C-alpha atoms as a PDB file:
ATOM      1  CA  MET A   1      13.794  25.832 -26.808  1.00  0.00           C
ATOM      2  CA  SER A   2      11.437  27.904 -24.663  1.00  0.00           C
ATOM      3  CA  ALA A   3       8.398  26.579 -26.585  1.00  0.00           C
ATOM      4  CA  LEU A   4       9.572  23.014 -25.974  1.00  0.00           C
ATOM      5  CA  ALA A   5      10.076  23.673 -22.252  1.00  0.00           C
ATOM      6  CA  SER A   6       6.566  25.074 -21.986  1.00  0.00           C
ATOM      7  CA  ARG A   7       5.179  21.765 -23.298  1.00  0.00           C
ATOM      8  CA  THR A   8       7.187  19.608 -20.946  1.00  0.00           C
ATOM      9  CA  VAL A   9       5.083  17.431 -18.607  1.00  0.00           C
ATOM     10  CA  THR A  10       6.519  16.079 -15.361  1.00  0.00           C
ATOM     11  CA  LEU A  11       6.001  12.309 -15.026  1.00  0.00           C
ATOM     12  CA  ARG A  12       5.665  11.023 -11.480  1.00  0.00           C
ATOM     13  CA  SER A  13       5.476   7.504 -10.043  1.00  0.00           C
ATOM     14  CA  TRP A  14       6.124   6.425  -6.440  1.00  0.00           C
ATOM     15  CA  THR A  15       7.744   3.266  -5.237  1.00  0.00           C
ATOM     16  CA  LYS A  16       6.192   1.062  -2.566  1.00  0.00           C
ATOM     17  CA  ALA A  17       8.742   2.371  -0.047  1.00  0.00           C
ATOM     18  CA  GLN A  18       7.874   5.996  -0.886  1.00  0.00           C
ATOM     19  CA  ARG A  19       4.142   5.348  -0.483  1.00  0.00           C
ATOM     20  CA  ALA A  20       4.795   3.642   2.832  1.00  0.00           C
ATOM     21  CA  GLU A  21       6.853   6.633   4.041  1.00  0.00           C
ATOM     22  CA  LEU A  22       4.058   9.025   3.082  1.00  0.00           C
ATOM     23  CA  ALA A  23       1.485   6.869   4.826  1.00  0.00           C
ATOM     24  CA  SER A  24       3.667   6.797   7.965  1.00  0.00           C
ATOM     25  CA  LEU A  25       3.994  10.598   7.957  1.00  0.00           C
ATOM     26  CA  VAL A  26       0.236  11.159   7.688  1.00  0.00           C
ATOM     27  CA  GLU A  27      -0.558   8.386  10.146  1.00  0.00           C
ATOM     28  CA  ARG A  28       1.603  10.051  12.841  1.00  0.00           C
ATOM     29  CA  ALA A  29      -0.320  13.293  12.445  1.00  0.00           C
ATOM     30  CA  PHE A  30      -3.655  11.483  12.450  1.00  0.00           C
ATOM     31  CA  ARG A  31      -2.686   9.499  15.549  1.00  0.00           C
ATOM     32  CA  THR A  32      -1.837  12.720  17.371  1.00  0.00           C
ATOM     33  CA  TRP A  33      -5.268  14.138  16.570  1.00  0.00           C
ATOM     34  CA  THR A  34      -7.102  10.923  17.608  1.00  0.00           C
ATOM     35  CA  SER A  35      -5.254  10.890  20.948  1.00  0.00           C
ATOM     36  CA  ASP A  36      -6.306  14.470  21.605  1.00  0.00           C
ATOM     37  CA  TRP A  37      -9.937  13.653  20.888  1.00  0.00           C
ATOM     38  CA  TYR A  38      -9.995  10.000  22.026  1.00  0.00           C
ATOM     39  CA  VAL A  39     -11.396   8.802  18.699  1.00  0.00           C
ATOM     40  CA  PRO A  40     -11.666   6.056  19.835  1.00  0.00           C
ATOM     41  CA  ALA A  41      -9.044   5.664  22.532  1.00  0.00           C
ATOM     42  CA  SER A  42      -8.515   1.869  22.230  1.00  0.00           C
ATOM     43  CA  ALA A  43      -8.735   1.427  18.426  1.00  0.00           C
ATOM     44  CA  PRO A  44      -5.555   1.010  16.339  1.00  0.00           C
ATOM     45  CA  VAL A  45      -4.788   3.791  13.858  1.00  0.00           C
ATOM     46  CA  THR A  46      -3.777   2.756  10.341  1.00  0.00           C
ATOM     47  CA  CYS A  47      -3.049   4.505   7.050  1.00  0.00           C
ATOM     48  CA  ASP A  48      -2.755   2.888   3.603  1.00  0.00           C
ATOM     49  CA  CYS A  49      -1.434   4.655   0.518  1.00  0.00           C
ATOM     50  CA  GLU A  50      -2.351   3.600  -3.036  1.00  0.00           C
ATOM     51  CA  ALA A  51      -2.010   5.126  -6.507  1.00  0.00           C
ATOM     52  CA  ALA A  52      -5.090   7.082  -7.661  1.00  0.00           C
ATOM     53  CA  GLY A  53      -6.651   7.506 -11.083  1.00  0.00           C
ATOM     54  CA  LEU A  54      -9.762   8.622 -12.908  1.00  0.00           C
ATOM     55  CA  GLU A  55     -11.759   5.812 -11.254  1.00  0.00           C
ATOM     56  CA  THR A  56     -11.097   7.536  -7.902  1.00  0.00           C
ATOM     57  CA  LEU A  57     -13.220  10.533  -9.020  1.00  0.00           C
ATOM     58  CA  LEU A  58     -16.004   8.221 -10.131  1.00  0.00           C
ATOM     59  CA  ALA A  59     -16.094   6.173  -6.947  1.00  0.00           C
ATOM     60  CA  ARG A  60     -16.849   8.918  -4.433  1.00  0.00           C
ATOM     61  CA  ALA A  61     -19.731  11.366  -4.130  1.00  0.00           C
ATOM     62  CA  PHE A  62     -18.107  14.309  -2.340  1.00  0.00           C
ATOM     63  CA  PHE A  63     -14.651  15.854  -2.269  1.00  0.00           C
ATOM     64  CA  LEU A  64     -14.129  18.388   0.533  1.00  0.00           C
ATOM     65  CA  PRO A  65     -11.133  20.713  -0.050  1.00  0.00           C
ATOM     66  CA  LEU A  66      -8.335  20.132   2.471  1.00  0.00           C
ATOM     67  CA  GLY A  67      -5.702  22.635   1.401  1.00  0.00           C
ATOM     68  CA  ARG A  68      -3.409  23.797  -1.391  1.00  0.00           C
ATOM     69  CA  THR A  69      -0.007  25.312  -2.062  1.00  0.00           C
ATOM     70  CA  GLY A  70       0.327  26.157  -5.742  1.00  0.00           C
ATOM     71  CA  ALA A  71      -0.268  22.973  -7.760  1.00  0.00           C
ATOM     72  CA  ALA A  72      -0.153  20.843  -4.615  1.00  0.00           C
ATOM     73  CA  GLN A  73      -3.715  20.103  -3.550  1.00  0.00           C
ATOM     74  CA  ALA A  74      -5.548  17.612  -1.336  1.00  0.00           C
ATOM     75  CA  TRP A  75      -9.156  16.688  -0.703  1.00  0.00           C
ATOM     76  CA  VAL A  76     -11.105  14.666   1.851  1.00  0.00           C
ATOM     77  CA  MET A  77     -13.222  12.042   0.059  1.00  0.00           C
ATOM     78  CA  THR A  78     -16.571  11.317   1.684  1.00  0.00           C
ATOM     79  CA  ASP A  79     -19.967   9.862   0.868  1.00  0.00           C
ATOM     80  CA  GLY A  80     -21.756  12.556   2.876  1.00  0.00           C
ATOM     81  CA  ASP A  81     -21.154  15.151   5.574  1.00  0.00           C
ATOM     82  CA  GLY A  82     -17.817  14.517   7.265  1.00  0.00           C
ATOM     83  CA  PRO A  83     -18.646  16.029  10.706  1.00  0.00           C
ATOM     84  CA  ASP A  84     -21.770  13.817  10.944  1.00  0.00           C
ATOM     85  CA  ALA A  85     -19.646  10.672  10.472  1.00  0.00           C
ATOM     86  CA  LEU A  86     -17.168  11.984  13.015  1.00  0.00           C
ATOM     87  CA  MET A  87     -19.965  12.658  15.513  1.00  0.00           C
ATOM     88  CA  ALA A  88     -21.072   9.035  15.234  1.00  0.00           C
ATOM     89  CA  ALA A  89     -17.509   7.861  15.912  1.00  0.00           C
ATOM     90  CA  LEU A  90     -17.067  10.248  18.840  1.00  0.00           C
ATOM     91  CA  PHE A  91     -20.355   9.750  20.624  1.00  0.00           C
ATOM     92  CA  GLU A  92     -21.808   6.606  19.024  1.00  0.00           C
ATOM     93  CA  VAL A  93     -25.014   8.479  18.186  1.00  0.00           C
ATOM     94  CA  HIS A  94     -27.045   8.699  15.017  1.00  0.00           C
ATOM     95  CA  ARG A  95     -27.273  12.058  13.307  1.00  0.00           C
ATOM     96  CA  ARG A  96     -31.097  11.861  13.329  1.00  0.00           C
ATOM     97  CA  ARG A  97     -31.355  12.042  17.123  1.00  0.00           C
ATOM     98  CA  GLN A  98     -33.426  14.815  18.674  1.00  0.00           C
ATOM     99  CA  PRO A  99     -31.839  18.308  18.182  1.00  0.00           C
ATOM    100  CA  THR A 100     -31.976  19.022  21.900  1.00  0.00           C
ATOM    101  CA  GLN A 101     -29.882  15.921  22.528  1.00  0.00           C
ATOM    102  CA  SER A 102     -27.299  16.414  19.769  1.00  0.00           C
ATOM    103  CA  VAL A 103     -26.553  20.189  19.706  1.00  0.00           C
ATOM    104  CA  LEU A 104     -23.481  19.825  21.949  1.00  0.00           C
ATOM    105  CA  ALA A 105     -22.353  16.689  20.080  1.00  0.00           C
ATOM    106  CA  THR A 106     -22.696  18.486  16.772  1.00  0.00           C
ATOM    107  CA  GLU A 107     -20.657  21.468  17.951  1.00  0.00           C
ATOM    108  CA  LEU A 108     -17.924  19.248  19.339  1.00  0.00           C
ATOM    109  CA  ALA A 109     -17.842  17.104  16.201  1.00  0.00           C
ATOM    110  CA  SER A 110     -17.571  20.221  14.033  1.00  0.00           C
ATOM    111  CA  GLN A 111     -14.672  21.515  16.160  1.00  0.00           C
ATOM    112  CA  ALA A 112     -12.938  18.099  16.075  1.00  0.00           C
ATOM    113  CA  TRP A 113     -13.384  17.960  12.291  1.00  0.00           C
ATOM    114  CA  ASP A 114     -11.825  21.377  11.779  1.00  0.00           C
ATOM    115  CA  GLU A 115      -8.881  20.468  14.020  1.00  0.00           C
ATOM    116  CA  MET A 116      -8.388  17.208  12.120  1.00  0.00           C
ATOM    117  CA  LEU A 117      -8.277  19.076   8.798  1.00  0.00           C
ATOM    118  CA  GLU A 118      -5.760  21.539  10.222  1.00  0.00           C
ATOM    119  CA  CYS A 119      -3.631  18.690  11.577  1.00  0.00           C
ATOM    120  CA  LEU A 120      -3.547  16.893   8.216  1.00  0.00           C
ATOM    121  CA  ARG A 121      -3.028  20.163   6.335  1.00  0.00           C
ATOM    122  CA  THR A 122       0.032  20.915   8.455  1.00  0.00           C
ATOM    123  CA  ALA A 123       1.448  17.403   8.006  1.00  0.00           C
ATOM    124  CA  LEU A 124       1.137  17.715   4.212  1.00  0.00           C
ATOM    125  CA  GLY A 125       2.634  21.202   4.141  1.00  0.00           C
ATOM    126  CA  LEU A 126      -0.483  22.750   2.570  1.00  0.00           C
ATOM    127  CA  GLY A 127      -1.966  26.210   2.921  1.00  0.00           C
ATOM    128  CA  ALA A 128      -5.586  27.324   3.257  1.00  0.00           C
ATOM    129  CA  ARG A 129      -8.258  25.762   1.060  1.00  0.00           C
ATOM    130  CA  THR A 130      -9.480  29.123  -0.217  1.00  0.00           C
ATOM    131  CA  GLY A 131     -10.628  28.993  -3.842  1.00  0.00           C
ATOM    132  CA  MET A 132     -10.444  25.216  -4.136  1.00  0.00           C
ATOM    133  CA  GLY A 133     -13.097  23.295  -6.020  1.00  0.00           C
ATOM    134  CA  TYR A 134     -13.698  19.670  -6.890  1.00  0.00           C
ATOM    135  CA  PRO A 135     -10.771  17.721  -8.390  1.00  0.00           C
ATOM    136  CA  VAL A 136     -10.805  17.390 -12.174  1.00  0.00           C
ATOM    137  CA  PRO A 137      -9.486  14.589 -14.425  1.00  0.00           C
ATOM    138  CA  ALA A 138      -6.245  16.562 -14.987  1.00  0.00           C
ATOM    139  CA  ASP A 139      -5.505  16.246 -11.261  1.00  0.00           C
ATOM    140  CA  VAL A 140      -5.431  12.437 -11.500  1.00  0.00           C
ATOM    141  CA  ARG A 141      -4.101  11.939 -15.038  1.00  0.00           C
ATOM    142  CA  LEU A 142      -1.883   8.973 -15.756  1.00  0.00           C
ATOM    143  CA  TRP A 143       1.722   9.355 -14.609  1.00  0.00           C
ATOM    144  CA  SER A 144       1.005  12.558 -12.689  1.00  0.00           C
ATOM    145  CA  GLY A 145       1.515  10.786  -9.330  1.00  0.00           C
ATOM    146  CA  PRO A 146      -1.805  11.197  -7.425  1.00  0.00           C
ATOM    147  CA  VAL A 147      -2.444   8.907  -4.451  1.00  0.00           C
ATOM    148  CA  THR A 148      -5.194   8.089  -2.001  1.00  0.00           C
ATOM    149  CA  LEU A 149      -4.631   7.785   1.741  1.00  0.00           C
ATOM    150  CA  LYS A 150      -7.053   5.646   3.735  1.00  0.00           C
ATOM    151  CA  LEU A 151      -6.978   6.557   7.423  1.00  0.00           C
ATOM    152  CA  ARG A 152      -8.730   4.282   9.926  1.00  0.00           C
ATOM    153  CA  ALA A 153      -9.376   4.640  13.650  1.00  0.00           C
ATOM    154  CA  GLY A 154     -12.059   2.277  14.880  1.00  0.00           C
ATOM    155  CA  ALA A 155     -15.350   3.179  13.242  1.00  0.00           C
ATOM    156  CA  LEU A 156     -13.887   6.411  11.792  1.00  0.00           C
ATOM    157  CA  ASP A 157     -12.764   6.310   8.160  1.00  0.00           C
ATOM    158  CA  VAL A 158     -11.051   9.319   6.543  1.00  0.00           C
ATOM    159  CA  ASP A 159      -9.952   9.045   2.883  1.00  0.00           C
ATOM    160  CA  LEU A 160      -7.699  11.620   1.279  1.00  0.00           C
ATOM    161  CA  LEU A 161      -6.845  12.383  -2.355  1.00  0.00           C
ATOM    162  CA  LEU A 162      -3.477  14.031  -2.998  1.00  0.00           C
ATOM    163  CA  THR A 163      -2.144  15.349  -6.274  1.00  0.00           C
ATOM    164  CA  GLY A 164       1.324  14.321  -7.409  1.00  0.00           C
ATOM    165  CA  ALA A 165       2.601  17.867  -6.772  1.00  0.00           C
ATOM    166  CA  CYS A 166       1.501  17.442  -3.146  1.00  0.00           C
ATOM    167  CA  VAL A 167       3.209  14.078  -2.736  1.00  0.00           C
ATOM    168  CA  GLU A 168       6.509  14.969  -4.474  1.00  0.00           C
ATOM    169  CA  PRO A 169       8.100  17.238  -1.826  1.00  0.00           C
ATOM    170  CA  LEU A 170       7.106  14.861   0.957  1.00  0.00           C
ATOM    171  CA  VAL A 171       8.654  11.706  -0.532  1.00  0.00           C
ATOM    172  CA  THR A 172      11.635  13.582  -2.010  1.00  0.00           C
ATOM    173  CA  ALA A 173      12.582  14.969   1.382  1.00  0.00           C
ATOM    174  CA  SER A 174      12.295  11.603   3.080  1.00  0.00           C
ATOM    175  CA  CYS A 175      14.350   9.794   0.384  1.00  0.00           C
ATOM    176  CA  ALA A 176      17.074  12.436   0.486  1.00  0.00           C
ATOM    177  CA  HIS A 177      17.967  11.417   4.048  1.00  0.00           C
ATOM    178  CA  ALA A 178      17.433   7.666   3.630  1.00  0.00           C
ATOM    179  CA  PRO A 179      20.611   5.578   3.523  1.00  0.00           C
ATOM    180  CA  ARG A 180      21.381   4.163   0.103  1.00  0.00           C
ATOM    181  CA  SER A 181      20.897   0.439   0.210  1.00  0.00           C
ATOM    182  CA  ALA A 182      23.525  -1.857  -1.237  1.00  0.00           C
ATOM    183  CA  HIS A 183      22.341  -3.709  -4.314  1.00  0.00           C
ATOM    184  CA  ALA A 184      23.092  -7.358  -4.859  1.00  0.00           C
ATOM    185  CA  PRO A 185      25.369  -8.069  -7.838  1.00  0.00           C
ATOM    186  CA  LEU A 186      23.526  -8.663 -11.084  1.00  0.00           C
ATOM    187  CA  THR A 187      22.996 -12.275 -12.066  1.00  0.00           C
ATOM    188  CA  PRO A 188      24.478 -13.244 -15.446  1.00  0.00           C
ATOM    189  CA  VAL A 189      21.799 -13.656 -18.098  1.00  0.00           C
ATOM    190  CA  PHE A 190      22.710 -17.293 -18.724  1.00  0.00           C
ATOM    191  CA  HIS A 191      22.212 -18.220 -15.031  1.00  0.00           C
ATOM    192  CA  ALA A 192      19.009 -16.156 -14.813  1.00  0.00           C
ATOM    193  CA  ILE A 193      17.337 -18.141 -17.626  1.00  0.00           C
ATOM    194  CA  ALA A 194      19.085 -21.491 -17.034  1.00  0.00           C
ATOM    195  CA  ASP A 195      16.003 -23.140 -15.532  1.00  0.00           C
ATOM    196  CA  ARG A 196      13.658 -21.915 -18.273  1.00  0.00           C
ATOM    197  CA  PRO A 197      12.318 -24.817 -20.385  1.00  0.00           C
ATOM    198  CA  VAL A 198      13.159 -24.710 -24.093  1.00  0.00           C
ATOM    199  CA  ARG A 199      11.486 -26.760 -26.813  1.00  0.00           C
ATOM    200  CA  VAL A 200      14.114 -28.660 -28.854  1.00  0.00           C
ATOM    201  CA  LYS A 201      13.304 -29.850 -32.397  1.00  0.00           C
ATOM    202  CA  VAL A 202      14.896 -32.735 -34.272  1.00  0.00           C
ATOM    203  CA  ASP A 203      14.629 -32.751 -38.100  1.00  0.00           C
ATOM    204  CA  LEU A 204      14.895 -35.989 -40.075  1.00  0.00           C
ATOM    205  CA  SER A 205      15.469 -36.207 -43.815  1.00  0.00           C
ATOM    206  CA  ALA A 206      12.525 -34.792 -45.712  1.00  0.00           C
ATOM    207  CA  PHE A 207      10.606 -36.778 -48.315  1.00  0.00           C
ATOM    208  CA  GLU A 208       7.732 -36.376 -50.704  1.00  0.00           C
ATOM    209  CA  LEU A 209       4.484 -38.312 -51.153  1.00  0.00           C
ATOM    210  CA  ASP A 210       2.203 -37.998 -54.145  1.00  0.00           C
ATOM    211  CA  LEU A 211      -1.338 -36.824 -53.624  1.00  0.00           C
ATOM    212  CA  GLY A 212      -2.870 -40.241 -54.313  1.00  0.00           C
ATOM    213  CA  THR A 213      -0.736 -41.845 -51.603  1.00  0.00           C
ATOM    214  CA  VAL A 214      -1.713 -39.157 -49.095  1.00  0.00           C
ATOM    215  CA  GLN A 215      -5.405 -39.658 -49.870  1.00  0.00           C
ATOM    216  CA  ASP A 216      -5.089 -43.414 -49.303  1.00  0.00           C
ATOM    217  CA  LEU A 217      -3.436 -43.052 -45.880  1.00  0.00           C
ATOM    218  CA  ARG A 218      -5.414 -44.557 -42.983  1.00  0.00           C
ATOM    219  CA  VAL A 219      -4.947 -44.744 -39.239  1.00  0.00           C
ATOM    220  CA  GLY A 220      -2.338 -47.421 -38.535  1.00  0.00           C
ATOM    221  CA  ASP A 221      -0.497 -47.114 -41.839  1.00  0.00           C
ATOM    222  CA  VAL A 222       3.281 -47.054 -41.611  1.00  0.00           C
ATOM    223  CA  VAL A 223       5.207 -44.576 -43.752  1.00  0.00           C
ATOM    224  CA  PRO A 224       8.859 -45.691 -44.105  1.00  0.00           C
ATOM    225  CA  LEU A 225      11.298 -42.805 -43.856  1.00  0.00           C
ATOM    226  CA  PRO A 226      14.370 -42.500 -46.048  1.00  0.00           C
ATOM    227  CA  HIS A 227      16.521 -41.345 -43.131  1.00  0.00           C
ATOM    228  CA  ARG A 228      19.303 -43.849 -42.367  1.00  0.00           C
ATOM    229  CA  LEU A 229      20.386 -44.442 -38.752  1.00  0.00           C
ATOM    230  CA  SER A 230      23.948 -43.551 -39.759  1.00  0.00           C
ATOM    231  CA  ALA A 231      22.850 -40.201 -41.122  1.00  0.00           C
ATOM    232  CA  PRO A 232      22.882 -37.194 -38.785  1.00  0.00           C
ATOM    233  CA  VAL A 233      19.767 -35.258 -37.846  1.00  0.00           C
ATOM    234  CA  ILE A 234      19.614 -31.494 -37.176  1.00  0.00           C
ATOM    235  CA  VAL A 235      18.888 -30.448 -33.565  1.00  0.00           C
ATOM    236  CA  SER A 236      17.478 -26.930 -33.351  1.00  0.00           C
ATOM    237  CA  ALA A 237      15.819 -24.611 -30.813  1.00  0.00           C
ATOM    238  CA  ALA A 238      13.857 -21.380 -31.368  1.00  0.00           C
ATOM    239  CA  GLY A 239      14.261 -21.873 -35.113  1.00  0.00           C
ATOM    240  CA  LYS A 240      18.072 -21.931 -34.986  1.00  0.00           C
ATOM    241  CA  PRO A 241      20.199 -25.055 -35.541  1.00  0.00           C
ATOM    242  CA  LEU A 242      22.293 -26.060 -32.542  1.00  0.00           C
ATOM    243  CA  CYS A 243      24.141 -29.218 -33.569  1.00  0.00           C
ATOM    244  CA  ASN A 244      23.904 -32.539 -35.292  1.00  0.00           C
ATOM    245  CA  GLY A 245      22.651 -35.668 -33.654  1.00  0.00           C
ATOM    246  CA  PHE A 246      21.990 -39.357 -34.235  1.00  0.00           C
ATOM    247  CA  ILE A 247      18.815 -41.379 -33.626  1.00  0.00           C
ATOM    248  CA  GLY A 248      19.040 -44.082 -30.994  1.00  0.00           C
ATOM    249  CA  ARG A 249      17.391 -45.607 -27.912  1.00  0.00           C
ATOM    250  CA  GLN A 250      18.095 -45.321 -24.227  1.00  0.00           C
ATOM    251  CA  SER A 251      16.396 -47.188 -21.386  1.00  0.00           C
ATOM    252  CA  GLY A 252      13.738 -48.429 -23.792  1.00  0.00           C
ATOM    253  CA  SER A 253      12.846 -44.932 -25.037  1.00  0.00           C
ATOM    254  CA  LYS A 254      13.640 -43.200 -28.306  1.00  0.00           C
ATOM    255  CA  ALA A 255      16.564 -40.785 -27.921  1.00  0.00           C
ATOM    256  CA  VAL A 256      18.871 -38.508 -29.889  1.00  0.00           C
ATOM    257  CA  GLU A 257      22.612 -38.508 -29.214  1.00  0.00           C
ATOM    258  CA  LEU A 258      24.072 -35.058 -29.642  1.00  0.00           C
ATOM    259  CA  ALA A 259      27.237 -35.018 -31.772  1.00  0.00           C
ATOM    260  CA  ARG A 260      30.259 -32.923 -30.859  1.00  0.00           C
ATOM    261  CA  ASP A 261      32.259 -30.833 -33.298  1.00  0.00           C
ATOM    262  CA  THR A 262      30.134 -31.560 -36.341  1.00  0.00           C
ATOM    263  CA  ALA A 263      29.088 -29.043 -38.913  1.00  0.00           C
ATOM    264  CA  VAL A 264      25.358 -28.296 -38.961  1.00  0.00           C
ATOM    265  CA  PRO A 265      24.043 -28.506 -42.534  1.00  0.00           C
ATOM    266  CA  SER A 266      21.886 -25.604 -43.666  1.00  0.00           C
ATOM    267  CA  GLU A 267      19.173 -28.021 -44.786  1.00  0.00           C
ATOM    268  CA  ILE A 268      18.464 -31.702 -45.168  1.00  0.00           C
ATOM    269  CA  SER A 269      18.128 -32.604 -48.831  1.00  0.00           C
ATOM    270  CA  ILE A 270      15.004 -34.206 -50.213  1.00  0.00           C
ATOM    271  CA  PRO A 271      15.706 -37.586 -51.815  1.00  0.00           C
ATOM    272  CA  THR A 272      15.232 -38.093 -55.562  1.00  0.00           C
ATOM    273  CA  SER A 273      12.122 -39.673 -57.003  1.00  0.00           C
ATOM    274  CA  THR A 274      13.822 -43.078 -57.244  1.00  0.00           C
ATOM    275  CA  GLU A 275      14.455 -42.987 -53.488  1.00  0.00           C
ATOM    276  CA  ARG A 276      10.957 -41.992 -52.459  1.00  0.00           C
ATOM    277  CA  PRO A 277       9.338 -44.490 -50.082  1.00  0.00           C
ATOM    278  CA  THR A 278       5.907 -45.940 -50.566  1.00  0.00           C
ATOM    279  CA  THR A 279       3.369 -47.106 -48.051  1.00  0.00           C
END
């Protein structure tokens, strides 16, 4: 039993409501930091949460450790140096400006960056990032529950990668206090599929033609059928017989009248050779 327990893998998947709750939690923390640093003061702050996978590791160049607590880990995904991008958002300057003009901006951007990381780390309940490296495929394996968070504030973009172990306590705690919603009664199966189209097949009496007759058939030839109008046909759907019917016409169109309380024959017999039609 202990050997089986050691091989057990936790499967995680988050609903749309759970991802929205996580995004709201992180957005509140990010909004607090942006108001403290006016980054930028008039721009709306948004946060989107999506499931992550192996393609997430392949799409970004750098992963800066954010924090960890046991198996719960998070990274900041960037395409370069994070503080430089933050400096551009704070002061609307390019990082290649003269050193004498950007020393103060660089120091402030570095301080703002560290405070932002601490703010997000606290919101996610993570500890220090000591000993963290790049994420590996095992951190984003299928059904392990990793997500990406895309934070936006004007020109500033901050993308996070969270492992499933990091997400789980946050969404579990929020769902534990959420009121249980009342579910609508289940719809009976018949009513649920009532408007689904079904192909109905009508089988007439079978007959045989010799090979010479088949070879002589041409477009426009008429092949008389041995089926009498008074004889029932078999009406079936999905390969199963439903009922008998009778050939007729209605409003100028060919039609089949369904018969009530009639036994459905297992097959329609093939007429004898003396009854075979000819062209």
